[in-house]
Amino acid sequence: MTEATTLAAAANSPDPAVGLRAVLALRRLLEKLETIQVANARRRGWSWQSIAESLEVSRQAVHKKHARVDPADVLPTPKGR
């Protein structure tokens, strides 16, 4: 089972303590994944507008949240570089 699958199952727990901890962990995982994919898109030359449209948010929102993230800090260096 993947981490996301395990957390999704736990989020459905009838025990609120378990469910809420799982929701928090999913939120943190989602933020990490978003950061990685925005960095990936920027490295590939995507505009802030294109990223914003994919995430269904404003260009300003995605830029404010991710503009200071250096893709090199988030993504491994491609082989051959």
PDB file of N, CA and C in Angstrom:
ATOM      1  N   MET A   1       0.833  -1.174   0.000  1.00  0.00           N
ATOM      2  CA  MET A   1       0.000   0.000   0.000  1.00  0.00           C
ATOM      3  C   MET A   1       0.890   1.254   0.000  1.00  0.00           C
ATOM      4  N   THR A   2       0.520   2.271  -0.743  1.00  0.00           N
ATOM      5  CA  THR A   2       1.294   3.499  -0.751  1.00  0.00           C
ATOM      6  C   THR A   2       0.938   4.351   0.456  1.00  0.00           C
ATOM      7  N   GLU A   3       1.775   5.327   0.736  1.00  0.00           N
ATOM      8  CA  GLU A   3       1.515   6.236   1.849  1.00  0.00           C
ATOM      9  C   GLU A   3       0.169   6.932   1.680  1.00  0.00           C
ATOM     10  N   ALA A   4      -0.115   7.411   0.477  1.00  0.00           N
ATOM     11  CA  ALA A   4      -1.374   8.111   0.225  1.00  0.00           C
ATOM     12  C   ALA A   4      -2.569   7.189   0.437  1.00  0.00           C
ATOM     13  N   THR A   5      -2.466   5.961  -0.020  1.00  0.00           N
ATOM     14  CA  THR A   5      -3.556   5.001   0.142  1.00  0.00           C
ATOM     15  C   THR A   5      -3.789   4.697   1.614  1.00  0.00           C
ATOM     16  N   THR A   6      -2.725   4.508   2.352  1.00  0.00           N
ATOM     17  CA  THR A   6      -2.829   4.243   3.788  1.00  0.00           C
ATOM     18  C   THR A   6      -3.474   5.423   4.507  1.00  0.00           C
ATOM     19  N   LEU A   7      -3.031   6.629   4.161  1.00  0.00           N
ATOM     20  CA  LEU A   7      -3.594   7.817   4.802  1.00  0.00           C
ATOM     21  C   LEU A   7      -5.053   8.031   4.425  1.00  0.00           C
ATOM     22  N   ALA A   8      -5.396   7.771   3.181  1.00  0.00           N
ATOM     23  CA  ALA A   8      -6.789   7.917   2.747  1.00  0.00           C
ATOM     24  C   ALA A   8      -7.691   6.949   3.515  1.00  0.00           C
ATOM     25  N   ALA A   9      -7.210   5.745   3.721  1.00  0.00           N
ATOM     26  CA  ALA A   9      -7.992   4.770   4.491  1.00  0.00           C
ATOM     27  C   ALA A   9      -8.141   5.242   5.933  1.00  0.00           C
ATOM     28  N   ALA A  10      -7.074   5.760   6.509  1.00  0.00           N
ATOM     29  CA  ALA A  10      -7.130   6.237   7.890  1.00  0.00           C
ATOM     30  C   ALA A  10      -8.045   7.454   8.021  1.00  0.00           C
ATOM     31  N   ALA A  11      -8.097   8.290   6.987  1.00  0.00           N
ATOM     32  CA  ALA A  11      -8.960   9.471   7.022  1.00  0.00           C
ATOM     33  C   ALA A  11     -10.424   9.087   7.102  1.00  0.00           C
ATOM     34  N   ASN A  12     -10.745   7.875   6.727  1.00  0.00           N
ATOM     35  CA  ASN A  12     -12.122   7.376   6.760  1.00  0.00           C
ATOM     36  C   ASN A  12     -12.446   6.681   8.087  1.00  0.00           C
ATOM     37  N   SER A  13     -11.524   6.762   9.031  1.00  0.00           N
ATOM     38  CA  SER A  13     -11.713   6.085  10.318  1.00  0.00           C
ATOM     39  C   SER A  13     -12.888   6.687  11.089  1.00  0.00           C
ATOM     40  N   PRO A  14     -13.635   5.838  11.794  1.00  0.00           N
ATOM     41  CA  PRO A  14     -14.703   6.372  12.641  1.00  0.00           C
ATOM     42  C   PRO A  14     -14.151   7.095  13.877  1.00  0.00           C
ATOM     43  N   ASP A  15     -12.868   6.888  14.182  1.00  0.00           N
ATOM     44  CA  ASP A  15     -12.217   7.560  15.315  1.00  0.00           C
ATOM     45  C   ASP A  15     -11.727   8.929  14.837  1.00  0.00           C
ATOM     46  N   PRO A  16     -12.313  10.017  15.345  1.00  0.00           N
ATOM     47  CA  PRO A  16     -11.913  11.335  14.882  1.00  0.00           C
ATOM     48  C   PRO A  16     -10.422  11.629  15.062  1.00  0.00           C
ATOM     49  N   ALA A  17      -9.812  11.137  16.108  1.00  0.00           N
ATOM     50  CA  ALA A  17      -8.388  11.386  16.330  1.00  0.00           C
ATOM     51  C   ALA A  17      -7.560  10.786  15.200  1.00  0.00           C
ATOM     52  N   VAL A  18      -7.891   9.574  14.805  1.00  0.00           N
ATOM     53  CA  VAL A  18      -7.193   8.911  13.704  1.00  0.00           C
ATOM     54  C   VAL A  18      -7.486   9.626  12.393  1.00  0.00           C
ATOM     55  N   GLY A  19      -8.741   9.910  12.145  1.00  0.00           N
ATOM     56  CA  GLY A  19      -9.138  10.562  10.902  1.00  0.00           C
ATOM     57  C   GLY A  19      -8.522  11.936  10.727  1.00  0.00           C
ATOM     58  N   LEU A  20      -8.520  12.735  11.771  1.00  0.00           N
ATOM     59  CA  LEU A  20      -7.974  14.080  11.673  1.00  0.00           C
ATOM     60  C   LEU A  20      -6.460  14.077  11.506  1.00  0.00           C
ATOM     61  N   ARG A  21      -5.773  13.154  12.173  1.00  0.00           N
ATOM     62  CA  ARG A  21      -4.322  13.030  11.966  1.00  0.00           C
ATOM     63  C   ARG A  21      -4.026  12.654  10.523  1.00  0.00           C
ATOM     64  N   ALA A  22      -4.846  11.778   9.966  1.00  0.00           N
ATOM     65  CA  ALA A  22      -4.662  11.368   8.576  1.00  0.00           C
ATOM     66  C   ALA A  22      -4.926  12.526   7.622  1.00  0.00           C
ATOM     67  N   VAL A  23      -5.940  13.322   7.904  1.00  0.00           N
ATOM     68  CA  VAL A  23      -6.232  14.499   7.068  1.00  0.00           C
ATOM     69  C   VAL A  23      -5.046  15.460   7.094  1.00  0.00           C
ATOM     70  N   LEU A  24      -4.484  15.706   8.256  1.00  0.00           N
ATOM     71  CA  LEU A  24      -3.320  16.583   8.369  1.00  0.00           C
ATOM     72  C   LEU A  24      -2.143  16.017   7.566  1.00  0.00           C
ATOM     73  N   ALA A  25      -1.889  14.733   7.691  1.00  0.00           N
ATOM     74  CA  ALA A  25      -0.791  14.116   6.952  1.00  0.00           C
ATOM     75  C   ALA A  25      -1.031  14.181   5.442  1.00  0.00           C
ATOM     76  N   LEU A  26      -2.271  13.978   5.016  1.00  0.00           N
ATOM     77  CA  LEU A  26      -2.598  14.100   3.588  1.00  0.00           C
ATOM     78  C   LEU A  26      -2.387  15.523   3.094  1.00  0.00           C
ATOM     79  N   ARG A  27      -2.779  16.499   3.891  1.00  0.00           N
ATOM     80  CA  ARG A  27      -2.590  17.899   3.515  1.00  0.00           C
ATOM     81  C   ARG A  27      -1.102  18.199   3.333  1.00  0.00           C
ATOM     82  N   ARG A  28      -0.276  17.712   4.257  1.00  0.00           N
ATOM     83  CA  ARG A  28       1.175  17.933   4.145  1.00  0.00           C
ATOM     84  C   ARG A  28       1.751  17.226   2.919  1.00  0.00           C
ATOM     85  N   LEU A  29       1.289  16.025   2.662  1.00  0.00           N
ATOM     86  CA  LEU A  29       1.745  15.288   1.480  1.00  0.00           C
ATOM     87  C   LEU A  29       1.338  16.026   0.211  1.00  0.00           C
ATOM     88  N   LEU A  30       0.123  16.521   0.159  1.00  0.00           N
ATOM     89  CA  LEU A  30      -0.367  17.257  -0.995  1.00  0.00           C
ATOM     90  C   LEU A  30       0.474  18.507  -1.249  1.00  0.00           C
ATOM     91  N   GLU A  31       0.827  19.220  -0.191  1.00  0.00           N
ATOM     92  CA  GLU A  31       1.651  20.426  -0.346  1.00  0.00           C
ATOM     93  C   GLU A  31       3.019  20.079  -0.929  1.00  0.00           C
ATOM     94  N   LYS A  32       3.610  18.976  -0.459  1.00  0.00           N
ATOM     95  CA  LYS A  32       4.903  18.545  -1.001  1.00  0.00           C
ATOM     96  C   LYS A  32       4.784  18.177  -2.480  1.00  0.00           C
ATOM     97  N   LEU A  33       3.738  17.443  -2.811  1.00  0.00           N
ATOM     98  CA  LEU A  33       3.540  17.036  -4.208  1.00  0.00           C
ATOM     99  C   LEU A  33       3.312  18.240  -5.109  1.00  0.00           C
ATOM    100  N   GLU A  34       2.529  19.208  -4.642  1.00  0.00           N
ATOM    101  CA  GLU A  34       2.295  20.408  -5.435  1.00  0.00           C
ATOM    102  C   GLU A  34       3.604  21.158  -5.675  1.00  0.00           C
ATOM    103  N   THR A  35       4.406  21.301  -4.641  1.00  0.00           N
ATOM    104  CA  THR A  35       5.687  21.993  -4.775  1.00  0.00           C
ATOM    105  C   THR A  35       6.584  21.294  -5.786  1.00  0.00           C
ATOM    106  N   ILE A  36       6.628  19.977  -5.721  1.00  0.00           N
ATOM    107  CA  ILE A  36       7.452  19.208  -6.660  1.00  0.00           C
ATOM    108  C   ILE A  36       6.963  19.401  -8.089  1.00  0.00           C
ATOM    109  N   GLN A  37       5.663  19.333  -8.311  1.00  0.00           N
ATOM    110  CA  GLN A  37       5.136  19.435  -9.670  1.00  0.00           C
ATOM    111  C   GLN A  37       5.199  20.860 -10.229  1.00  0.00           C
ATOM    112  N   VAL A  38       5.050  21.862  -9.379  1.00  0.00           N
ATOM    113  CA  VAL A  38       5.230  23.235  -9.848  1.00  0.00           C
ATOM    114  C   VAL A  38       6.689  23.445 -10.242  1.00  0.00           C
ATOM    115  N   ALA A  39       7.611  22.949  -9.432  1.00  0.00           N
ATOM    116  CA  ALA A  39       9.033  23.053  -9.781  1.00  0.00           C
ATOM    117  C   ALA A  39       9.322  22.313 -11.087  1.00  0.00           C
ATOM    118  N   ASN A  40       8.724  21.164 -11.257  1.00  0.00           N
ATOM    119  CA  ASN A  40       8.877  20.383 -12.489  1.00  0.00           C
ATOM    120  C   ASN A  40       8.374  21.185 -13.692  1.00  0.00           C
ATOM    121  N   ALA A  41       7.216  21.787 -13.550  1.00  0.00           N
ATOM    122  CA  ALA A  41       6.647  22.588 -14.641  1.00  0.00           C
ATOM    123  C   ALA A  41       7.536  23.791 -14.955  1.00  0.00           C
ATOM    124  N   ARG A  42       8.015  24.478 -13.925  1.00  0.00           N
ATOM    125  CA  ARG A  42       8.877  25.642 -14.147  1.00  0.00           C
ATOM    126  C   ARG A  42      10.180  25.226 -14.833  1.00  0.00           C
ATOM    127  N   ARG A  43      10.749  24.110 -14.414  1.00  0.00           N
ATOM    128  CA  ARG A  43      11.980  23.626 -15.027  1.00  0.00           C
ATOM    129  C   ARG A  43      11.759  23.336 -16.513  1.00  0.00           C
ATOM    130  N   ARG A  44      10.565  22.908 -16.860  1.00  0.00           N
ATOM    131  CA  ARG A  44      10.233  22.589 -18.261  1.00  0.00           C
ATOM    132  C   ARG A  44       9.721  23.796 -19.044  1.00  0.00           C
ATOM    133  N   GLY A  45       9.787  24.965 -18.421  1.00  0.00           N
ATOM    134  CA  GLY A  45       9.452  26.186 -19.135  1.00  0.00           C
ATOM    135  C   GLY A  45       8.004  26.631 -19.076  1.00  0.00           C
ATOM    136  N   TRP A  46       7.201  26.012 -18.238  1.00  0.00           N
ATOM    137  CA  TRP A  46       5.803  26.419 -18.122  1.00  0.00           C
ATOM    138  C   TRP A  46       5.717  27.823 -17.529  1.00  0.00           C
ATOM    139  N   SER A  47       4.760  28.577 -17.988  1.00  0.00           N
ATOM    140  CA  SER A  47       4.508  29.905 -17.428  1.00  0.00           C
ATOM    141  C   SER A  47       3.709  29.756 -16.134  1.00  0.00           C
ATOM    142  N   TRP A  48       3.746  30.821 -15.330  1.00  0.00           N
ATOM    143  CA  TRP A  48       2.929  30.819 -14.114  1.00  0.00           C
ATOM    144  C   TRP A  48       1.450  30.712 -14.471  1.00  0.00           C
ATOM    145  N   GLN A  49       1.060  31.311 -15.582  1.00  0.00           N
ATOM    146  CA  GLN A  49      -0.336  31.249 -16.014  1.00  0.00           C
ATOM    147  C   GLN A  49      -0.745  29.817 -16.338  1.00  0.00           C
ATOM    148  N   SER A  50       0.103  29.077 -17.038  1.00  0.00           N
ATOM    149  CA  SER A  50      -0.217  27.683 -17.390  1.00  0.00           C
ATOM    150  C   SER A  50      -0.328  26.811 -16.152  1.00  0.00           C
ATOM    151  N   ILE A  51       0.578  27.029 -15.200  1.00  0.00           N
ATOM    152  CA  ILE A  51       0.526  26.265 -13.944  1.00  0.00           C
ATOM    153  C   ILE A  51      -0.757  26.604 -13.196  1.00  0.00           C
ATOM    154  N   ALA A  52      -1.074  27.900 -13.112  1.00  0.00           N
ATOM    155  CA  ALA A  52      -2.278  28.332 -12.409  1.00  0.00           C
ATOM    156  C   ALA A  52      -3.532  27.717 -13.021  1.00  0.00           C
ATOM    157  N   GLU A  53      -3.601  27.695 -14.338  1.00  0.00           N
ATOM    158  CA  GLU A  53      -4.762  27.105 -15.001  1.00  0.00           C
ATOM    159  C   GLU A  53      -4.879  25.618 -14.682  1.00  0.00           C
ATOM    160  N   SER A  54      -3.762  24.917 -14.645  1.00  0.00           N
ATOM    161  CA  SER A  54      -3.787  23.489 -14.325  1.00  0.00           C
ATOM    162  C   SER A  54      -4.257  23.236 -12.895  1.00  0.00           C
ATOM    163  N   LEU A  55      -3.898  24.146 -11.985  1.00  0.00           N
ATOM    164  CA  LEU A  55      -4.284  24.005 -10.581  1.00  0.00           C
ATOM    165  C   LEU A  55      -5.613  24.679 -10.260  1.00  0.00           C
ATOM    166  N   GLU A  56      -6.189  25.351 -11.277  1.00  0.00           N
ATOM    167  CA  GLU A  56      -7.445  26.073 -11.117  1.00  0.00           C
ATOM    168  C   GLU A  56      -7.375  27.110  -9.999  1.00  0.00           C
ATOM    169  N   VAL A  57      -6.283  27.880 -10.030  1.00  0.00           N
ATOM    170  CA  VAL A  57      -6.108  29.010  -9.123  1.00  0.00           C
ATOM    171  C   VAL A  57      -5.643  30.197  -9.968  1.00  0.00           C
ATOM    172  N   SER A  58      -5.519  31.354  -9.351  1.00  0.00           N
ATOM    173  CA  SER A  58      -5.037  32.516 -10.099  1.00  0.00           C
ATOM    174  C   SER A  58      -3.525  32.444 -10.285  1.00  0.00           C
ATOM    175  N   ARG A  59      -3.063  33.143 -11.304  1.00  0.00           N
ATOM    176  CA  ARG A  59      -1.622  33.218 -11.554  1.00  0.00           C
ATOM    177  C   ARG A  59      -0.929  33.837 -10.342  1.00  0.00           C
ATOM    178  N   GLN A  60      -1.548  34.857  -9.760  1.00  0.00           N
ATOM    179  CA  GLN A  60      -0.974  35.529  -8.609  1.00  0.00           C
ATOM    180  C   GLN A  60      -0.838  34.573  -7.418  1.00  0.00           C
ATOM    181  N   ALA A  61      -1.851  33.737  -7.214  1.00  0.00           N
ATOM    182  CA  ALA A  61      -1.823  32.811  -6.077  1.00  0.00           C
ATOM    183  C   ALA A  61      -0.688  31.797  -6.204  1.00  0.00           C
ATOM    184  N   VAL A  62      -0.556  31.214  -7.390  1.00  0.00           N
ATOM    185  CA  VAL A  62       0.486  30.201  -7.564  1.00  0.00           C
ATOM    186  C   VAL A  62       1.869  30.850  -7.534  1.00  0.00           C
ATOM    187  N   HIS A  63       1.996  32.043  -8.082  1.00  0.00           N
ATOM    188  CA  HIS A  63       3.284  32.741  -8.066  1.00  0.00           C
ATOM    189  C   HIS A  63       3.677  33.094  -6.633  1.00  0.00           C
ATOM    190  N   LYS A  64       2.729  33.630  -5.869  1.00  0.00           N
ATOM    191  CA  LYS A  64       3.003  34.009  -4.479  1.00  0.00           C
ATOM    192  C   LYS A  64       3.445  32.800  -3.658  1.00  0.00           C
ATOM    193  N   LYS A  65       2.802  31.672  -3.891  1.00  0.00           N
ATOM    194  CA  LYS A  65       3.084  30.470  -3.108  1.00  0.00           C
ATOM    195  C   LYS A  65       4.401  29.805  -3.505  1.00  0.00           C
ATOM    196  N   HIS A  66       4.761  29.852  -4.798  1.00  0.00           N
ATOM    197  CA  HIS A  66       5.880  29.036  -5.272  1.00  0.00           C
ATOM    198  C   HIS A  66       7.042  29.803  -5.902  1.00  0.00           C
ATOM    199  N   ALA A  67       6.948  31.110  -6.029  1.00  0.00           N
ATOM    200  CA  ALA A  67       7.980  31.866  -6.754  1.00  0.00           C
ATOM    201  C   ALA A  67       9.365  31.748  -6.129  1.00  0.00           C
ATOM    202  N   ARG A  68       9.437  31.603  -4.846  1.00  0.00           N
ATOM    203  CA  ARG A  68      10.739  31.540  -4.171  1.00  0.00           C
ATOM    204  C   ARG A  68      11.341  30.139  -4.146  1.00  0.00           C
ATOM    205  N   VAL A  69      10.611  29.166  -4.650  1.00  0.00           N
ATOM    206  CA  VAL A  69      11.105  27.783  -4.660  1.00  0.00           C
ATOM    207  C   VAL A  69      12.037  27.598  -5.842  1.00  0.00           C
ATOM    208  N   ASP A  70      13.250  27.171  -5.569  1.00  0.00           N
ATOM    209  CA  ASP A  70      14.213  26.873  -6.628  1.00  0.00           C
ATOM    210  C   ASP A  70      14.011  25.423  -7.046  1.00  0.00           C
ATOM    211  N   PRO A  71      13.668  25.175  -8.323  1.00  0.00           N
ATOM    212  CA  PRO A  71      13.470  23.790  -8.762  1.00  0.00           C
ATOM    213  C   PRO A  71      14.655  22.878  -8.431  1.00  0.00           C
ATOM    214  N   ALA A  72      15.853  23.417  -8.425  1.00  0.00           N
ATOM    215  CA  ALA A  72      17.035  22.611  -8.120  1.00  0.00           C
ATOM    216  C   ALA A  72      17.009  22.099  -6.679  1.00  0.00           C
ATOM    217  N   ASP A  73      16.302  22.807  -5.800  1.00  0.00           N
ATOM    218  CA  ASP A  73      16.200  22.377  -4.408  1.00  0.00           C
ATOM    219  C   ASP A  73      15.151  21.295  -4.206  1.00  0.00           C
ATOM    220  N   VAL A  74      14.246  21.151  -5.188  1.00  0.00           N
ATOM    221  CA  VAL A  74      13.111  20.234  -5.057  1.00  0.00           C
ATOM    222  C   VAL A  74      13.272  18.995  -5.922  1.00  0.00           C
ATOM    223  N   LEU A  75      13.848  19.190  -7.106  1.00  0.00           N
ATOM    224  CA  LEU A  75      13.951  18.111  -8.078  1.00  0.00           C
ATOM    225  C   LEU A  75      15.383  17.622  -8.228  1.00  0.00           C
ATOM    226  N   PRO A  76      15.554  16.341  -8.479  1.00  0.00           N
ATOM    227  CA  PRO A  76      16.904  15.865  -8.751  1.00  0.00           C
ATOM    228  C   PRO A  76      17.395  16.417 -10.095  1.00  0.00           C
ATOM    229  N   THR A  77      18.688  16.566 -10.229  1.00  0.00           N
ATOM    230  CA  THR A  77      19.268  17.033 -11.486  1.00  0.00           C
ATOM    231  C   THR A  77      19.113  15.950 -12.536  1.00  0.00           C
ATOM    232  N   PRO A  78      18.594  16.309 -13.739  1.00  0.00           N
ATOM    233  CA  PRO A  78      18.445  15.303 -14.799  1.00  0.00           C
ATOM    234  C   PRO A  78      19.797  14.699 -15.165  1.00  0.00           C
ATOM    235  N   LYS A  79      19.797  13.416 -15.496  1.00  0.00           N
ATOM    236  CA  LYS A  79      21.033  12.732 -15.885  1.00  0.00           C
ATOM    237  C   LYS A  79      21.585  13.367 -17.151  1.00  0.00           C
ATOM    238  N   GLY A  80      22.896  13.421 -17.228  1.00  0.00           N
ATOM    239  CA  GLY A  80      23.541  13.976 -18.404  1.00  0.00           C
ATOM    240  C   GLY A  80      23.791  15.456 -18.291  1.00  0.00           C
ATOM    241  N   ARG A  81      23.552  16.028 -17.105  1.00  0.00           N
ATOM    242  CA  ARG A  81      23.783  17.472 -16.895  1.00  0.00           C
ATOM    243  C   ARG A  81      24.759  17.681 -15.785  1.00  0.00           C
TER     244      ARG A  81
END
